[in-house]
Amino acid sequence: MVLEACMIVIDNSEYMRNGDFQPTRFGAQSDAVSSIFQTKVDSNPENTVGVMTMAGKAPEVLVTPTQDIGKILSALHNTKIGGEADIATGIQVAQLALKHRPNKSQRQRIVVFVGSPVNADDKSLVRLGKKLKKNNIAIDIINFGEEEENEGKLEEFVKATDSGNNSHLVSVPPGPHLLSDFIFASPMLEGDGAAPRGGFGGGDDFTVDPNMDPELAEALRLSLAEERAREAAAAATAAAAGEPPANAQAVASIPGDPMDEDEAMLQHALALSQAEGAAGDHDGDVHMGDEAPASAAEGEEDEEDAIRLAIEMSLREKEDDGEGDSSHKS
């Protein structure tokens, strides 16, 4: 397990609005960033990952190397798209961010997503690559969207940076596939214990060999992509509302499992119960039987009992939903 600090440089230029990747280039990139983050932090408990942009007015560090997925998802959600990407300046800023990492024992790595034409010339990129190599910084580049136009420049850049096969270029053509598929199928994450697979990093139990059952593999990938998008939206909403990150992260479930709706309903009921508790004691608002007054009088432990009762009531409401129980509240 490699001990590593990694900075992910994302492309937030106007080109990221293109829809040749689903749902857009930026959306596909965000999903891949989440996958890489999870793989890195799962491979070693001391690994950290940061995120920065390289377009707009100037490259900007959004999150310094961290182990908090909530910060990463929130930063991706709030990133503004616009301008042109400056890959050379972005990599130099990432290098500076890694230089100030707290744990100097961590190896340094920069992962760059390039989804727009590279505006730097070959010679300047080669000089930059040699500088990274001298400072023991590895680089991985995911070249997508404009892969044919950029491939020659980026190949020379990676060759100049590579030391002992520690740097990689992954070129991804447009199509109905995930960037994560190509990343996990490449040697890029092999040092992090990631085997080639078509799902998200983080030890999911639904790995399927696409060669054996391509239809099932594609269905699982799409389900996992939708789940990741829901998690990102929930985390961003919680961050905007100032809520604890724990309430924002959705509970992962088996793709296509009928329990999805039950879990969503449970989370909704729990959130409502917690909101009612924060607003004050309203024991008469919901009839929970004899336990409700006792719960309000006891303290935090009994409040948890009241929440559980609220959840049970919500489950019973769902079972009776077909009978039109609009008068369930007394």
Protein backbone atom coordinates (compact mmCIF):
# COMPACT_ATOMS: atom_id res chain seq x y z
CA MET A 1 0.00 0.00 0.00
CA VAL A 2 1.56 3.25 -1.18
CA LEU A 3 1.59 6.15 1.28
CA GLU A 4 0.67 9.08 -0.91
CA ALA A 5 -0.59 12.65 -1.07
CA CYS A 6 -2.47 13.32 -4.29
CA MET A 7 -3.76 16.49 -5.92
CA ILE A 8 -6.49 16.06 -8.54
CA VAL A 9 -6.54 18.88 -11.10
CA ILE A 10 -9.95 19.12 -12.79
CA ASP A 11 -10.86 20.81 -16.05
CA ASN A 12 -13.63 23.37 -15.53
CA SER A 13 -13.35 25.12 -18.91
CA GLU A 14 -16.26 25.84 -21.25
CA TYR A 15 -15.54 22.56 -23.05
CA MET A 16 -16.83 20.70 -20.00
CA ARG A 17 -20.41 21.60 -20.93
CA ASN A 18 -20.24 19.23 -23.93
CA GLY A 19 -22.58 16.25 -23.80
CA ASP A 20 -20.40 13.66 -25.57
CA PHE A 21 -19.92 12.05 -22.14
CA GLN A 22 -22.92 11.38 -19.92
CA PRO A 23 -24.39 13.55 -18.52
CA THR A 24 -21.72 16.09 -19.54
CA ARG A 25 -17.93 16.08 -19.62
CA PHE A 26 -17.91 17.78 -16.24
CA GLY A 27 -20.41 15.31 -14.77
CA ALA A 28 -18.40 12.33 -16.01
CA GLN A 29 -15.24 13.92 -14.60
CA SER A 30 -16.84 14.46 -11.18
CA ASP A 31 -17.84 10.80 -10.99
CA ALA A 32 -14.29 9.72 -11.85
CA VAL A 33 -12.83 12.07 -9.22
CA SER A 34 -15.01 10.39 -6.57
CA SER A 35 -13.84 6.96 -7.72
CA ILE A 36 -10.16 7.92 -7.58
CA PHE A 37 -10.57 9.54 -4.16
CA GLN A 38 -12.22 6.44 -2.71
CA THR A 39 -9.59 4.11 -4.13
CA LYS A 40 -6.73 6.23 -2.81
CA VAL A 41 -8.03 6.56 0.75
CA ASP A 42 -9.08 2.90 0.90
CA SER A 43 -5.65 1.68 -0.18
CA ASN A 44 -3.91 3.32 2.80
CA PRO A 45 -5.54 4.90 5.90
CA GLU A 46 -2.99 7.74 5.82
CA ASN A 47 -3.46 8.71 2.16
CA THR A 48 -4.90 12.13 1.39
CA VAL A 49 -6.44 13.65 -1.75
CA GLY A 50 -7.03 17.29 -2.69
CA VAL A 51 -8.86 18.95 -5.59
CA MET A 52 -8.19 22.09 -7.61
CA THR A 53 -9.36 23.71 -10.86
CA MET A 54 -7.23 24.89 -13.78
CA ALA A 55 -9.65 27.17 -15.71
CA GLY A 56 -11.60 30.32 -14.92
CA LYS A 57 -9.73 33.47 -13.90
CA ALA A 58 -6.83 31.40 -12.55
CA PRO A 59 -6.12 27.89 -11.22
CA GLU A 60 -7.57 27.55 -7.72
CA VAL A 61 -7.07 25.03 -4.92
CA LEU A 62 -10.55 23.98 -3.77
CA VAL A 63 -9.58 21.40 -1.13
CA THR A 64 -6.11 20.74 0.25
CA PRO A 65 -5.24 17.03 0.65
CA THR A 66 -7.87 15.50 2.92
CA GLN A 67 -9.62 12.22 3.78
CA ASP A 68 -13.09 13.82 3.90
CA ILE A 69 -15.17 12.80 0.88
CA GLY A 70 -17.79 15.40 1.85
CA LYS A 71 -15.37 18.24 1.20
CA ILE A 72 -14.50 16.83 -2.20
CA LEU A 73 -18.13 16.36 -3.27
CA SER A 74 -19.10 19.81 -2.04
CA ALA A 75 -16.20 21.42 -3.92
CA LEU A 76 -17.14 19.62 -7.15
CA HIS A 77 -20.77 20.67 -6.80
CA ASN A 78 -19.86 24.34 -6.30
CA THR A 79 -17.27 24.53 -9.10
CA LYS A 80 -18.07 27.11 -11.77
CA ILE A 81 -17.50 26.29 -15.43
CA GLY A 82 -15.94 28.90 -17.69
CA GLY A 83 -12.81 30.14 -19.41
CA GLU A 84 -9.90 28.15 -20.80
CA ALA A 85 -7.84 25.53 -19.00
CA ASP A 86 -4.20 26.34 -18.25
CA ILE A 87 -2.67 22.91 -17.69
CA ALA A 88 0.91 24.12 -17.08
CA THR A 89 -0.04 26.66 -14.40
CA GLY A 90 -2.52 24.24 -12.84
CA ILE A 91 0.16 21.56 -12.43
CA GLN A 92 2.60 24.06 -10.94
CA VAL A 93 0.00 25.16 -8.37
CA ALA A 94 -0.70 21.49 -7.56
CA GLN A 95 3.03 20.94 -7.08
CA LEU A 96 3.12 23.82 -4.61
CA ALA A 97 0.12 22.42 -2.70
CA LEU A 98 1.86 19.03 -2.39
CA LYS A 99 5.07 20.67 -1.24
CA HIS A 100 3.23 21.96 1.84
CA ARG A 101 1.65 18.61 2.76
CA PRO A 102 1.82 17.98 6.55
CA ASN A 103 3.14 14.41 6.24
CA LYS A 104 6.46 14.59 4.36
CA SER A 105 6.62 10.78 4.26
CA GLN A 106 3.85 10.71 1.69
CA ARG A 107 4.84 10.31 -1.93
CA GLN A 108 3.58 13.04 -4.24
CA ARG A 109 1.21 12.49 -7.16
CA ILE A 110 -0.78 14.78 -9.43
CA VAL A 111 -3.82 13.50 -11.34
CA VAL A 112 -4.92 15.79 -14.19
CA PHE A 113 -8.20 15.62 -16.10
CA VAL A 114 -7.82 17.17 -19.56
CA GLY A 115 -11.11 17.63 -21.40
CA SER A 116 -10.18 20.62 -23.58
CA PRO A 117 -7.38 21.47 -26.03
CA VAL A 118 -3.95 21.81 -24.38
CA ASN A 119 -2.75 25.37 -24.92
CA ALA A 120 0.88 24.77 -23.90
CA ASP A 121 3.57 23.90 -26.44
CA ASP A 122 5.50 20.62 -26.45
CA LYS A 123 8.81 22.08 -25.24
CA SER A 124 7.33 23.84 -22.20
CA LEU A 125 5.46 20.68 -21.21
CA VAL A 126 8.63 18.58 -21.48
CA ARG A 127 10.51 21.09 -19.30
CA LEU A 128 7.71 20.95 -16.75
CA GLY A 129 7.76 17.15 -16.84
CA LYS A 130 11.50 17.05 -16.13
CA LYS A 131 11.00 19.43 -13.21
CA LEU A 132 8.32 17.15 -11.74
CA LYS A 133 10.61 14.15 -12.18
CA LYS A 134 13.45 15.97 -10.41
CA ASN A 135 11.13 16.71 -7.47
CA ASN A 136 9.91 13.09 -7.30
CA ILE A 137 6.35 13.93 -8.32
CA ALA A 138 4.45 11.34 -10.34
CA ILE A 139 1.67 12.34 -12.71
CA ASP A 140 -1.40 10.63 -14.16
CA ILE A 141 -3.37 12.26 -16.97
CA ILE A 142 -6.91 11.36 -18.02
CA ASN A 143 -7.24 12.65 -21.59
CA PHE A 144 -10.87 12.73 -22.78
CA GLY A 145 -13.12 14.73 -25.07
CA GLU A 146 -10.26 16.15 -27.16
CA GLU A 147 -8.11 13.04 -26.86
CA GLU A 148 -6.91 12.87 -30.47
CA GLU A 149 -5.78 16.49 -30.54
CA ASN A 150 -3.99 16.30 -27.18
CA GLU A 151 -2.52 12.80 -27.19
CA GLY A 152 0.82 13.63 -28.82
CA LYS A 153 1.64 16.50 -26.44
CA LEU A 154 0.52 14.61 -23.37
CA GLU A 155 2.48 11.47 -24.30
CA GLU A 156 5.71 13.48 -24.44
CA PHE A 157 4.85 15.16 -21.16
CA VAL A 158 4.24 11.86 -19.38
CA LYS A 159 7.45 10.37 -20.80
CA ALA A 160 9.44 13.32 -19.46
CA THR A 161 7.86 12.90 -16.01
CA ASP A 162 7.94 9.13 -15.74
CA SER A 163 10.40 7.48 -13.36
CA GLY A 164 10.14 3.72 -12.93
CA ASN A 165 6.74 3.58 -14.64
CA ASN A 166 5.13 5.79 -11.98
CA SER A 167 3.31 8.09 -14.44
CA HIS A 168 0.51 7.23 -16.85
CA LEU A 169 -1.64 8.58 -19.66
CA VAL A 170 -5.21 7.30 -20.02
CA SER A 171 -6.95 8.40 -23.23
CA VAL A 172 -10.72 7.93 -23.30
CA PRO A 173 -12.81 8.26 -26.50
CA PRO A 174 -16.36 9.63 -26.21
CA GLY A 175 -19.20 7.14 -25.83
CA PRO A 176 -21.81 5.69 -23.44
CA HIS A 177 -19.20 4.58 -20.92
CA LEU A 178 -17.80 5.90 -17.66
CA LEU A 179 -14.36 7.45 -17.33
CA SER A 180 -14.00 5.21 -14.27
CA ASP A 181 -14.13 2.13 -16.51
CA PHE A 182 -11.04 3.19 -18.43
CA ILE A 183 -9.22 4.37 -15.30
CA PHE A 184 -9.67 1.06 -13.48
CA ALA A 185 -8.80 -0.90 -16.61
CA SER A 186 -5.51 1.02 -16.94
CA PRO A 187 -2.31 0.61 -14.87
CA MET A 188 -3.03 3.98 -13.25
CA LEU A 189 -4.35 2.67 -9.92
CA GLU A 190 -2.54 -0.67 -9.75
CA GLY A 191 -0.23 0.58 -6.99
CA ASP A 192 -3.31 1.38 -4.90
CA GLY A 193 -4.51 -2.21 -4.96
CA ALA A 194 -7.21 -1.53 -7.56
CA ALA A 195 -7.93 -4.37 -9.95
CA PRO A 196 -9.41 -3.63 -13.38
CA ARG A 197 -13.15 -3.37 -12.84
CA GLY A 198 -16.16 -1.44 -13.98
CA GLY A 199 -17.44 0.06 -10.73
CA PHE A 200 -16.48 2.60 -8.17
CA GLY A 201 -13.47 2.29 -5.93
CA GLY A 202 -13.96 1.38 -2.32
CA GLY A 203 -14.52 -2.36 -2.24
CA ASP A 204 -17.98 -2.70 -3.74
CA ASP A 205 -19.31 -6.24 -3.80
CA PHE A 206 -20.82 -6.08 -7.26
CA THR A 207 -17.77 -6.37 -9.47
CA VAL A 208 -18.63 -8.11 -12.73
CA ASP A 209 -16.30 -9.02 -15.56
CA PRO A 210 -17.62 -7.01 -18.55
CA ASN A 211 -16.33 -9.70 -20.90
CA MET A 212 -18.43 -12.37 -19.20
CA ASP A 213 -21.70 -10.44 -18.81
CA PRO A 214 -21.55 -7.02 -20.50
CA GLU A 215 -25.26 -6.25 -20.00
CA LEU A 216 -25.15 -6.88 -16.25
CA ALA A 217 -21.87 -4.98 -15.91
CA GLU A 218 -23.32 -1.96 -17.72
CA ALA A 219 -26.48 -2.05 -15.57
CA LEU A 220 -24.42 -2.10 -12.39
CA ARG A 221 -22.22 0.75 -13.61
CA LEU A 222 -25.21 2.93 -14.41
CA SER A 223 -26.81 2.18 -11.04
CA LEU A 224 -23.60 3.03 -9.22
CA ALA A 225 -23.23 6.25 -11.23
CA GLU A 226 -26.75 7.31 -10.25
CA GLU A 227 -26.02 6.51 -6.60
CA ARG A 228 -22.83 8.58 -6.68
CA ALA A 229 -24.73 11.50 -8.22
CA ARG A 230 -27.36 11.30 -5.46
CA GLU A 231 -24.63 11.30 -2.81
CA ALA A 232 -22.97 14.33 -4.38
CA ALA A 233 -26.25 16.25 -4.50
CA ALA A 234 -27.07 15.36 -0.90
CA ALA A 235 -23.62 16.33 0.36
CA ALA A 236 -23.75 19.66 -1.48
CA THR A 237 -27.24 20.42 -0.12
CA ALA A 238 -26.13 19.62 3.43
CA ALA A 239 -23.03 21.77 3.06
CA ALA A 240 -25.10 24.71 1.79
CA ALA A 241 -27.54 24.33 4.70
CA GLY A 242 -24.75 23.99 7.26
CA GLU A 243 -25.84 20.49 8.31
CA PRO A 244 -23.42 17.79 9.56
CA PRO A 245 -21.93 15.76 6.67
CA ALA A 246 -23.20 12.52 8.24
CA ASN A 247 -26.79 13.46 7.44
CA ALA A 248 -25.87 14.23 3.84
CA GLN A 249 -24.40 10.92 2.78
CA ALA A 250 -26.87 8.42 1.38
CA VAL A 251 -26.78 4.80 2.45
CA ALA A 252 -25.36 2.70 -0.41
CA SER A 253 -27.59 -0.20 -1.41
CA ILE A 254 -27.59 -2.99 -3.93
CA PRO A 255 -28.36 -1.58 -7.39
CA GLY A 256 -31.93 -2.43 -8.27
CA ASP A 257 -32.72 -3.62 -4.71
CA PRO A 258 -36.40 -3.03 -3.75
CA MET A 259 -35.15 -1.86 -0.36
CA ASP A 260 -33.97 1.43 -1.95
CA GLU A 261 -37.34 3.09 -1.36
CA ASP A 262 -37.53 1.81 2.22
CA GLU A 263 -34.08 3.20 3.02
CA ALA A 264 -34.93 6.57 1.49
CA MET A 265 -38.17 6.65 3.49
CA LEU A 266 -36.32 5.75 6.70
CA GLN A 267 -33.83 8.54 6.16
CA HIS A 268 -36.65 10.98 5.48
CA ALA A 269 -38.49 9.94 8.64
CA LEU A 270 -35.33 10.22 10.71
CA ALA A 271 -34.61 13.70 9.33
CA LEU A 272 -38.17 14.80 10.12
CA SER A 273 -37.91 13.42 13.63
CA GLN A 274 -34.63 15.21 14.25
CA ALA A 275 -36.07 18.46 12.87
CA GLU A 276 -39.06 18.17 15.21
CA GLY A 277 -36.77 17.61 18.17
CA ALA A 278 -34.69 20.66 17.28
CA ALA A 279 -37.79 22.88 16.94
CA GLY A 280 -38.94 22.05 20.46
CA ASP A 281 -41.12 19.59 22.38
CA HIS A 282 -44.39 18.97 20.49
CA ASP A 283 -45.52 15.72 22.06
CA GLY A 284 -49.14 16.27 21.00
CA ASP A 285 -48.29 16.64 17.33
CA VAL A 286 -47.75 12.93 16.69
CA HIS A 287 -49.49 10.18 18.64
CA MET A 288 -46.92 7.56 19.58
CA GLY A 289 -48.78 5.88 22.39
CA ASP A 290 -47.86 6.09 26.05
CA GLU A 291 -44.13 6.19 25.27
CA ALA A 292 -44.17 9.66 23.69
CA PRO A 293 -44.61 11.77 26.87
CA ALA A 294 -42.05 9.62 28.67
CA SER A 295 -39.61 10.10 25.80
CA ALA A 296 -39.87 13.86 25.97
CA ALA A 297 -39.27 13.81 29.70
CA GLU A 298 -36.34 11.41 29.85
CA GLY A 299 -33.50 12.92 27.79
CA GLU A 300 -31.37 12.08 24.77
CA GLU A 301 -31.62 8.28 25.08
CA ASP A 302 -35.41 8.35 25.24
CA GLU A 303 -35.47 10.82 22.35
CA GLU A 304 -33.83 8.11 20.23
CA ASP A 305 -36.72 5.78 21.21
CA ALA A 306 -39.17 8.40 19.96
CA ILE A 307 -37.30 8.63 16.67
CA ARG A 308 -37.42 4.87 16.27
CA LEU A 309 -41.17 4.95 16.93
CA ALA A 310 -41.58 7.65 14.30
CA ILE A 311 -39.72 5.47 11.82
CA GLU A 312 -41.93 2.49 12.66
CA MET A 313 -45.00 4.65 12.07
CA SER A 314 -43.61 5.69 8.70
CA LEU A 315 -43.11 2.04 7.78
CA ARG A 316 -46.68 1.24 8.72
CA GLU A 317 -47.87 4.20 6.63
CA LYS A 318 -46.02 2.82 3.61
CA GLU A 319 -47.63 -0.61 4.07
CA ASP A 320 -51.10 1.00 4.20
CA ASP A 321 -50.36 3.46 1.38
CA GLY A 322 -52.51 1.56 -1.12
CA GLU A 323 -55.57 2.01 1.14
CA GLY A 324 -55.30 5.85 1.00
CA ASP A 325 -54.64 6.42 4.70
CA SER A 326 -54.64 10.22 4.47
CA SER A 327 -56.15 10.40 7.99
CA HIS A 328 -53.34 8.47 9.67
CA LYS A 329 -52.54 11.44 11.90
CA SER A 330 -55.23 11.74 14.59
